[in-house]
Amino acid sequence: MRLVNKQTDQPLVEFIEGQTLFHSRYLEREMRTLGIPIPPGSRSLFNGQDTIYLGDDQFQKAFKEIYYETLMDRTLFKWE
């Protein structure tokens, strides 16, 4: 599964067999340092954690369900 910029058809991130491969160094750095903030109502889905960082076993789930759904413009990016 990969997230692609619709305008350029370039991948932003790929999830391959449990591995996360970033094509955007900026986004990768952001995920390592800032992580994905988990809203209070969703924390029970992530073992009570308030932030999920790259490398966490629930990172891909948080990226797809929280980061993509709430923070990304779906008119610019799509999953393939």
Protein backbone atom coordinates (compact mmCIF):
# COMPACT_ATOMS: atom_id res chain seq x y z
CA MET A 1 0.00 0.00 0.00
CA ARG A 2 1.33 3.43 -0.81
CA LEU A 3 0.19 7.03 -0.47
CA VAL A 4 0.59 8.96 -3.71
CA ASN A 5 0.45 12.64 -4.64
CA LYS A 6 -2.38 12.83 -7.21
CA GLN A 7 -0.82 15.74 -9.09
CA THR A 8 2.66 14.28 -9.55
CA ASP A 9 1.88 10.55 -9.15
CA GLN A 10 4.88 10.39 -6.80
CA PRO A 11 4.67 8.22 -3.68
CA LEU A 12 4.91 9.94 -0.31
CA VAL A 13 5.09 6.82 1.85
CA GLU A 14 4.79 3.06 1.30
CA PHE A 15 3.80 0.30 3.69
CA ILE A 16 5.44 -2.93 2.55
CA GLU A 17 5.09 -6.09 4.67
CA GLY A 18 5.17 -4.20 7.96
CA GLN A 19 7.95 -1.85 6.83
CA THR A 20 7.42 1.90 6.37
CA LEU A 21 9.34 3.50 3.50
CA PHE A 22 9.20 7.29 3.22
CA HIS A 23 9.86 9.10 -0.05
CA SER A 24 9.48 12.45 1.71
CA ARG A 25 12.39 13.11 4.07
CA TYR A 26 10.47 16.01 5.59
CA LEU A 27 7.51 13.79 6.51
CA GLU A 28 9.82 11.07 7.80
CA ARG A 29 11.61 13.55 10.06
CA GLU A 30 8.25 14.87 11.30
CA MET A 31 7.05 11.34 12.15
CA ARG A 32 10.29 10.57 14.03
CA THR A 33 10.37 13.79 16.06
CA LEU A 34 6.75 14.95 16.43
CA GLY A 35 4.85 11.74 15.77
CA ILE A 36 1.12 11.50 15.26
CA PRO A 37 -0.98 13.10 18.00
CA ILE A 38 -3.84 10.80 18.96
CA PRO A 39 -7.11 12.56 19.87
CA PRO A 40 -8.44 11.74 23.36
CA GLY A 41 -11.43 9.85 21.96
CA SER A 42 -9.21 7.53 19.93
CA ARG A 43 -6.53 6.76 22.52
CA SER A 44 -8.23 3.56 23.65
CA LEU A 45 -7.59 2.22 20.12
CA PHE A 46 -3.87 2.88 20.61
CA ASN A 47 -3.27 1.45 24.10
CA GLY A 48 -3.95 4.83 25.71
CA GLN A 49 -1.01 6.51 23.96
CA ASP A 50 -1.32 10.21 23.19
CA THR A 51 1.37 10.18 20.46
CA ILE A 52 2.51 7.45 18.06
CA TYR A 53 6.02 7.72 16.58
CA LEU A 54 7.67 6.09 13.59
CA GLY A 55 8.90 2.71 14.78
CA ASP A 56 5.93 2.09 17.08
CA ASP A 57 4.13 -1.15 16.22
CA GLN A 58 0.89 0.82 15.69
CA PHE A 59 2.45 3.51 13.50
CA GLN A 60 0.91 2.38 10.22
CA LYS A 61 -2.55 2.13 11.76
CA ALA A 62 -2.20 5.62 13.29
CA PHE A 63 -0.91 7.04 10.01
CA LYS A 64 -3.84 5.64 8.00
CA GLU A 65 -6.62 6.18 10.54
CA ILE A 66 -5.57 9.41 12.23
CA TYR A 67 -2.93 11.32 10.27
CA TYR A 68 -4.30 10.70 6.78
CA GLU A 69 -7.98 10.95 7.72
CA THR A 70 -7.72 14.12 9.81
CA LEU A 71 -4.64 16.03 8.68
CA MET A 72 -4.15 15.37 4.97
CA ASP A 73 -6.03 16.82 2.03
CA ARG A 74 -7.61 13.80 0.34
CA THR A 75 -8.07 15.80 -2.87
CA LEU A 76 -4.25 15.85 -3.19
CA PHE A 77 -3.32 12.36 -1.94
CA LYS A 78 -4.66 8.85 -2.54
CA TRP A 79 -3.91 5.31 -1.37
CA GLU A 80 -2.95 2.73 -3.96
